Amino acid sequence: MKTACATLALTLIAMPTLAQNVRITPIGSHPGELCANDRATVFEDPSGVRILYDVAQNLTGPDDPRVGDVDVVLLSHMHGDHLGNLRLRAVGAGTCANSGREPVPHAMTAEVVIEKEAVLVTTRAQAGFVANEVREIRGESLPICDSPVTATVPVDAACRSSMDLGGRFVATAAGADQGVEINIVFASHVNNAPNSLLSEAQRELLDANGAVLELGPPTGYVIRFTNGLTAYLSGDTGIHSEMRTIVNEYHNANLAVLNLGNNPGIYYSAAHAMNELVQPASVIITHPNEAATENGEPRPQSHTARIIEEIDAPTHLALNGRTMEFDGRGRCVSGC
């Protein structure tokens, strides 16, 4: 009887922790909509660790008030719509199909890492490019963190990870017993840097050879949060076998944040990728490359609306400014 009572007491003590949810807030161009250029997403772990996934072209500046505190910045690949070679002129600028944006002299990812004094977690090649951007902004580079694969956050000064595909970075809130595990996984895409952020000499050399500057492989992420939620952030990708072998069978992802798009063909393979390969409990659709919604609802003739119907798992739209909460099993419990 004593053992049973003790077990019950321990269970009750643990329940509040188990009940805590991960908060996910998309940052896009038009309030309450999922628009063509929307990519940026903020994840907040129950321990307080805050992660910004792909700064993209969705922020009005590094101090955009919608973002709040950031401990970790993720960069999936080097295309300008993820690295941030443009900034949003103002929230609601332009149309949902083509938001109002303007060029910036340096990558928004670098600007945000400096502004937020955050840890940049990405591959070494991509981190090196951003570190050089940081040098051009403030006169000194972005150093590798004291431990290249772990950090207690918030850190005292901005720094970067040092790892590659298959690597794992653990960000732990000060005073917390458990950290957030960030794993870099494969994406099937290209990974060239935007010409606008290259030197004139680099641009001339590349143009003369009909070439682009690739910086290693593009990536996705699998993040294991402290409440048990395991989120697959696809990055820009076509369908590939590691969605099953690594994302599903090894990491056991129970939430997929799926980037749509015509270039990698995921407009047409999304349902198979989700239903047969990843098999998550829930899906969030982002990066639609079309004005996916009107008044917060899917446009009936859109690719996005069709894909929602084809995916078996509950599928949610990454509506700008709407915070969704997910439990440890990958189920949306609020805001969806």
Protein backbone atom coordinates (compact mmCIF):
# COMPACT_ATOMS: atom_id res chain seq x y z
CA MET A 1 0.00 0.00 0.00
CA LYS A 2 2.85 2.37 0.90
CA THR A 3 4.47 1.62 -2.46
CA ALA A 4 1.22 2.31 -4.31
CA CYS A 5 0.73 5.60 -2.46
CA ALA A 6 4.32 6.64 -3.11
CA THR A 7 3.94 5.82 -6.80
CA LEU A 8 0.71 7.86 -6.98
CA ALA A 9 2.36 10.79 -5.22
CA LEU A 10 5.29 10.77 -7.64
CA THR A 11 2.89 10.61 -10.57
CA LEU A 12 0.92 13.60 -9.29
CA ILE A 13 4.12 15.58 -8.74
CA ALA A 14 5.22 14.84 -12.32
CA MET A 15 1.89 15.71 -13.92
CA PRO A 16 2.35 19.51 -14.18
CA THR A 17 5.64 19.03 -16.02
CA LEU A 18 4.13 16.49 -18.40
CA ALA A 19 1.20 18.81 -19.07
CA GLN A 20 3.38 21.70 -20.21
CA ASN A 21 3.23 22.47 -23.91
CA VAL A 22 5.54 23.79 -26.62
CA ARG A 23 4.32 27.12 -28.00
CA ILE A 24 4.77 27.63 -31.76
CA THR A 25 4.24 31.08 -33.29
CA PRO A 26 4.63 31.73 -37.04
CA ILE A 27 5.99 35.16 -38.02
CA GLY A 28 4.80 36.20 -41.48
CA SER A 29 3.82 39.17 -43.60
CA HIS A 30 0.06 39.58 -43.08
CA PRO A 31 -1.68 39.11 -39.71
CA GLY A 32 -3.80 35.99 -39.44
CA GLU A 33 -2.85 34.66 -42.87
CA LEU A 34 -0.43 32.15 -44.40
CA CYS A 35 1.16 34.06 -47.25
CA ALA A 36 3.49 33.18 -50.09
CA ASN A 37 6.71 34.38 -48.48
CA ASP A 38 6.01 33.23 -44.91
CA ARG A 39 8.72 31.06 -43.32
CA ALA A 40 9.91 32.32 -39.91
CA THR A 41 8.68 30.44 -36.82
CA VAL A 42 9.35 30.83 -33.09
CA PHE A 43 9.33 27.76 -30.83
CA GLU A 44 9.17 28.15 -27.05
CA ASP A 45 10.00 25.15 -24.88
CA PRO A 46 8.33 24.76 -21.47
CA SER A 47 11.77 25.32 -19.90
CA GLY A 48 11.89 28.79 -21.49
CA VAL A 49 14.31 28.09 -24.37
CA ARG A 50 13.19 30.12 -27.40
CA ILE A 51 14.21 29.12 -30.94
CA LEU A 52 13.79 31.13 -34.15
CA TYR A 53 13.65 28.87 -37.20
CA ASP A 54 14.74 30.58 -40.46
CA VAL A 55 14.72 34.37 -40.07
CA ALA A 56 13.76 34.56 -43.77
CA GLN A 57 12.31 37.80 -45.24
CA ASN A 58 9.55 38.03 -42.64
CA LEU A 59 11.02 40.46 -40.09
CA THR A 60 10.87 44.24 -40.30
CA GLY A 61 14.32 44.33 -38.72
CA PRO A 62 16.43 42.50 -36.14
CA ASP A 63 14.41 44.21 -33.40
CA ASP A 64 10.99 43.24 -34.82
CA PRO A 65 8.83 43.27 -31.66
CA ARG A 66 6.83 40.23 -32.79
CA VAL A 67 9.83 37.97 -32.24
CA GLY A 68 10.66 38.64 -28.59
CA ASP A 69 13.65 37.04 -26.89
CA VAL A 70 15.58 34.45 -28.90
CA ASP A 71 18.13 32.00 -27.49
CA VAL A 72 18.85 29.97 -30.62
CA VAL A 73 18.64 30.84 -34.33
CA LEU A 74 18.36 28.03 -36.89
CA LEU A 75 19.31 28.38 -40.56
CA SER A 76 18.17 25.54 -42.81
CA HIS A 77 19.91 26.71 -45.98
CA MET A 78 21.42 29.66 -47.80
CA HIS A 79 18.67 30.81 -50.15
CA GLY A 80 17.78 34.43 -49.66
CA ASP A 81 14.22 33.66 -48.57
CA HIS A 82 15.69 31.77 -45.57
CA LEU A 83 19.01 33.55 -44.87
CA GLY A 84 17.25 36.90 -45.25
CA ASN A 85 18.55 39.04 -48.11
CA LEU A 86 15.40 41.18 -47.87
CA ARG A 87 13.40 42.55 -44.95
CA LEU A 88 9.67 43.17 -44.65
CA ARG A 89 8.94 46.89 -45.15
CA ALA A 90 6.10 46.76 -42.62
CA VAL A 91 3.64 44.21 -41.31
CA GLY A 92 0.92 43.96 -43.94
CA ALA A 93 3.01 45.60 -46.69
CA GLY A 94 2.31 44.45 -50.23
CA THR A 95 -0.07 41.59 -50.85
CA CYS A 96 -0.35 38.09 -49.43
CA ALA A 97 0.88 36.81 -52.80
CA ASN A 98 3.88 39.17 -52.84
CA SER A 99 4.72 40.90 -49.58
CA GLY A 100 6.41 44.29 -49.59
CA ARG A 101 10.11 43.74 -48.99
CA GLU A 102 13.34 45.65 -49.54
CA PRO A 103 17.04 44.70 -49.81
CA VAL A 104 19.37 44.74 -46.82
CA PRO A 105 23.18 45.14 -46.92
CA HIS A 106 23.78 42.13 -44.67
CA ALA A 107 21.93 38.89 -44.01
CA MET A 108 19.03 39.30 -41.60
CA THR A 109 20.15 36.08 -39.92
CA ALA A 110 23.42 37.75 -38.92
CA GLU A 111 21.61 40.90 -37.76
CA VAL A 112 19.23 38.88 -35.57
CA VAL A 113 21.98 36.74 -34.02
CA ILE A 114 23.78 39.94 -32.99
CA GLU A 115 20.64 41.76 -31.79
CA LYS A 116 19.42 38.82 -29.72
CA GLU A 117 22.87 37.66 -28.54
CA ALA A 118 21.80 34.21 -29.65
CA VAL A 119 23.44 30.92 -30.59
CA LEU A 120 23.44 30.16 -34.31
CA VAL A 121 22.90 26.42 -34.81
CA THR A 122 23.57 25.24 -38.34
CA THR A 123 26.26 23.49 -40.38
CA ARG A 124 29.85 24.72 -40.25
CA ALA A 125 29.80 25.99 -43.85
CA GLN A 126 26.66 28.04 -43.34
CA ALA A 127 27.79 29.27 -39.93
CA GLY A 128 31.05 30.43 -41.49
CA PHE A 129 29.20 32.56 -44.03
CA VAL A 130 27.04 34.14 -41.33
CA ALA A 131 30.15 34.70 -39.16
CA ASN A 132 31.68 36.69 -42.01
CA GLU A 133 28.50 38.75 -42.30
CA VAL A 134 28.76 39.45 -38.57
CA ARG A 135 32.35 40.61 -39.06
CA GLU A 136 31.24 43.07 -41.73
CA ILE A 137 28.51 44.44 -39.44
CA ARG A 138 30.41 44.86 -36.17
CA GLY A 139 34.09 44.45 -37.05
CA GLU A 140 34.60 41.09 -35.38
CA SER A 141 33.47 37.61 -36.35
CA LEU A 142 30.93 35.34 -34.68
CA PRO A 143 32.98 32.97 -32.50
CA ILE A 144 32.34 29.29 -31.96
CA CYS A 145 30.60 28.74 -28.61
CA ASP A 146 32.76 27.63 -25.68
CA SER A 147 31.27 24.18 -26.21
CA PRO A 148 30.56 23.73 -29.94
CA VAL A 149 27.58 21.40 -29.36
CA THR A 150 26.02 22.60 -26.08
CA ALA A 151 25.11 25.87 -24.41
CA THR A 152 23.34 27.15 -21.34
CA VAL A 153 21.03 29.91 -22.56
CA PRO A 154 20.80 32.77 -22.70
CA VAL A 155 24.49 32.99 -23.56
CA ASP A 156 26.61 35.95 -22.49
CA ALA A 157 27.47 36.81 -26.10
CA ALA A 158 26.39 35.62 -29.54
CA CYS A 159 28.19 32.52 -30.80
CA ARG A 160 27.82 29.64 -33.27
CA SER A 161 27.78 25.87 -33.19
CA SER A 162 30.37 23.73 -34.93
CA MET A 163 28.79 20.60 -36.39
CA ASP A 164 27.34 19.15 -39.56
CA LEU A 165 24.70 16.69 -40.82
CA GLY A 166 23.83 14.25 -38.05
CA GLY A 167 25.10 16.60 -35.36
CA ARG A 168 23.20 17.35 -32.17
CA PHE A 169 23.23 20.62 -30.23
CA VAL A 170 21.69 20.84 -26.74
CA ALA A 171 20.40 24.20 -25.51
CA THR A 172 19.57 24.20 -21.80
CA ALA A 173 17.84 27.03 -19.96
CA ALA A 174 19.75 28.30 -16.95
CA GLY A 175 18.76 26.23 -13.93
CA ALA A 176 16.92 23.57 -15.95
CA ASP A 177 17.66 19.86 -15.55
CA GLN A 178 16.93 19.00 -19.18
CA GLY A 179 17.86 20.68 -22.43
CA VAL A 180 16.30 21.00 -25.88
CA GLU A 181 18.01 18.67 -28.39
CA ILE A 182 18.49 20.11 -31.89
CA ASN A 183 19.48 17.55 -34.53
CA ILE A 184 20.57 18.45 -38.06
CA VAL A 185 19.03 16.17 -40.69
CA PHE A 186 19.18 15.80 -44.46
CA ALA A 187 17.19 17.87 -46.96
CA SER A 188 17.03 17.24 -50.69
CA HIS A 189 17.55 20.69 -52.20
CA VAL A 190 20.22 23.07 -53.53
CA ASN A 191 22.12 25.45 -51.25
CA ASN A 192 23.50 28.45 -53.08
CA ALA A 193 24.02 31.80 -51.36
CA PRO A 194 22.22 34.87 -52.76
CA ASN A 195 24.41 36.84 -55.17
CA SER A 196 23.34 40.10 -53.51
CA LEU A 197 25.30 39.14 -50.37
CA LEU A 198 28.49 38.12 -52.20
CA SER A 199 31.45 40.37 -52.94
CA GLU A 200 31.69 41.95 -56.38
CA ALA A 201 34.74 39.77 -57.15
CA GLN A 202 32.81 36.62 -56.22
CA ARG A 203 29.84 37.64 -58.35
CA GLU A 204 32.01 38.34 -61.39
CA LEU A 205 33.83 35.01 -61.06
CA LEU A 206 30.63 33.05 -60.70
CA ASP A 207 28.90 34.89 -63.55
CA ALA A 208 31.85 34.26 -65.85
CA ASN A 209 31.48 30.53 -65.26
CA GLY A 210 27.70 30.30 -65.08
CA ALA A 211 28.09 29.02 -61.54
CA VAL A 212 26.64 29.54 -58.07
CA LEU A 213 28.27 29.47 -54.65
CA GLU A 214 27.10 26.37 -52.77
CA LEU A 215 27.84 26.16 -49.05
CA GLY A 216 27.60 22.49 -48.17
CA PRO A 217 24.33 20.57 -47.92
CA PRO A 218 20.96 22.11 -47.13
CA THR A 219 19.35 20.80 -43.98
CA GLY A 220 16.28 20.18 -41.91
CA TYR A 221 16.09 19.73 -38.15
CA VAL A 222 14.58 17.37 -35.62
CA ILE A 223 14.05 19.10 -32.27
CA ARG A 224 13.26 17.10 -29.14
CA PHE A 225 11.65 19.42 -26.60
CA THR A 226 11.61 18.82 -22.87
CA ASN A 227 7.92 17.82 -22.80
CA GLY A 228 8.59 14.99 -25.29
CA LEU A 229 7.40 16.76 -28.45
CA THR A 230 9.71 15.77 -31.30
CA ALA A 231 9.33 18.16 -34.22
CA TYR A 232 10.66 17.56 -37.73
CA LEU A 233 11.40 20.87 -39.46
CA SER A 234 11.67 19.78 -43.08
CA GLY A 235 13.50 22.76 -44.53
CA ASP A 236 13.08 23.06 -48.29
CA THR A 237 13.17 19.48 -49.49
CA GLY A 238 11.94 16.96 -51.96
CA ILE A 239 10.84 13.55 -50.83
CA HIS A 240 13.69 11.30 -49.66
CA SER A 241 14.23 7.99 -47.91
CA GLU A 242 15.65 9.49 -44.69
CA MET A 243 12.18 10.83 -43.91
CA ARG A 244 11.42 7.24 -42.94
CA THR A 245 14.75 5.87 -41.75
CA ILE A 246 16.08 8.86 -39.80
CA VAL A 247 13.15 11.18 -39.07
CA ASN A 248 10.56 8.50 -38.33
CA GLU A 249 12.37 5.32 -37.28
CA TYR A 250 15.38 6.87 -35.51
CA HIS A 251 14.06 10.16 -34.11
CA ASN A 252 10.38 9.13 -33.83
CA ALA A 253 9.17 12.59 -34.82
CA ASN A 254 5.55 13.19 -33.84
CA LEU A 255 5.11 16.67 -35.38
CA ALA A 256 6.13 17.75 -38.88
CA VAL A 257 6.58 21.39 -39.87
CA LEU A 258 6.40 20.99 -43.64
CA ASN A 259 7.72 23.50 -46.17
CA LEU A 260 5.70 23.44 -49.37
CA GLY A 261 6.96 24.52 -52.77
CA ASN A 262 7.07 23.61 -56.43
CA ASN A 263 10.85 23.57 -56.89
CA PRO A 264 11.54 20.43 -54.80
CA GLY A 265 8.26 18.86 -55.91
CA ILE A 266 6.76 18.66 -52.43
CA TYR A 267 3.49 20.12 -53.79
CA TYR A 268 2.98 16.68 -55.31
CA SER A 269 4.72 14.32 -52.88
CA ALA A 270 3.71 15.87 -49.55
CA ALA A 271 0.92 13.40 -48.82
CA HIS A 272 3.13 10.35 -49.42
CA ALA A 273 5.97 11.91 -47.42
CA MET A 274 3.70 12.54 -44.43
CA ASN A 275 1.38 9.53 -44.61
CA GLU A 276 3.89 6.82 -45.50
CA LEU A 277 7.34 8.06 -44.47
CA VAL A 278 7.29 10.51 -41.54
CA GLN A 279 3.89 9.47 -40.12
CA PRO A 280 3.61 12.29 -37.55
CA ALA A 281 0.69 12.79 -35.18
CA SER A 282 0.23 16.33 -36.58
CA VAL A 283 1.47 18.50 -39.43
CA ILE A 284 1.99 22.26 -39.67
CA ILE A 285 2.11 23.67 -43.21
CA THR A 286 4.36 26.65 -43.91
CA HIS A 287 6.40 28.14 -46.80
CA PRO A 288 3.47 27.78 -49.25
CA ASN A 289 4.89 29.90 -52.10
CA GLU A 290 1.31 30.99 -52.75
CA ALA A 291 -1.29 33.11 -51.00
CA ALA A 292 -2.55 30.07 -49.13
CA THR A 293 -5.34 31.65 -47.09
CA GLU A 294 -7.97 34.36 -47.11
CA ASN A 295 -9.43 35.47 -43.78
CA GLY A 296 -7.42 32.68 -42.18
CA GLU A 297 -9.03 29.91 -44.24
CA PRO A 298 -7.43 27.90 -47.08
CA ARG A 299 -8.11 29.28 -50.56
CA PRO A 300 -10.24 26.53 -52.17
CA GLN A 301 -8.20 26.19 -55.37
CA SER A 302 -4.78 26.39 -53.73
CA HIS A 303 -2.15 23.67 -53.56
CA THR A 304 -2.31 24.11 -49.81
CA ALA A 305 -6.02 23.25 -49.60
CA ARG A 306 -5.52 20.13 -51.70
CA ILE A 307 -2.58 18.95 -49.61
CA ILE A 308 -4.51 19.40 -46.37
CA GLU A 309 -7.16 17.05 -47.73
CA GLU A 310 -4.56 14.48 -48.78
CA ILE A 311 -2.66 14.29 -45.47
CA ASP A 312 -4.07 11.80 -42.96
CA ALA A 313 -2.84 13.49 -39.77
CA PRO A 314 -4.48 16.65 -38.40
CA THR A 315 -2.95 19.44 -40.46
CA HIS A 316 -2.66 23.04 -39.29
CA LEU A 317 -1.76 26.25 -41.09
CA ALA A 318 1.11 28.43 -39.89
CA LEU A 319 -1.03 31.55 -39.65
CA ASN A 320 0.99 34.67 -38.92
CA GLY A 321 0.81 35.63 -35.24
CA ARG A 322 -1.35 32.70 -34.11
CA THR A 323 0.31 30.75 -31.30
CA MET A 324 -0.33 27.02 -31.30
CA GLU A 325 0.46 24.76 -28.36
CA PHE A 326 1.51 21.11 -28.71
CA ASP A 327 1.78 18.42 -26.08
CA GLY A 328 4.47 15.77 -25.88
CA ARG A 329 2.56 13.43 -28.16
CA GLY A 330 2.49 15.86 -31.05
CA ARG A 331 -1.13 16.88 -30.61
CA CYS A 332 -2.30 20.47 -30.85
CA VAL A 333 -4.08 21.37 -27.62
CA SER A 334 -4.58 25.11 -28.15
CA GLY A 335 -4.62 27.70 -30.93
CA CYS A 336 -5.31 25.36 -33.83
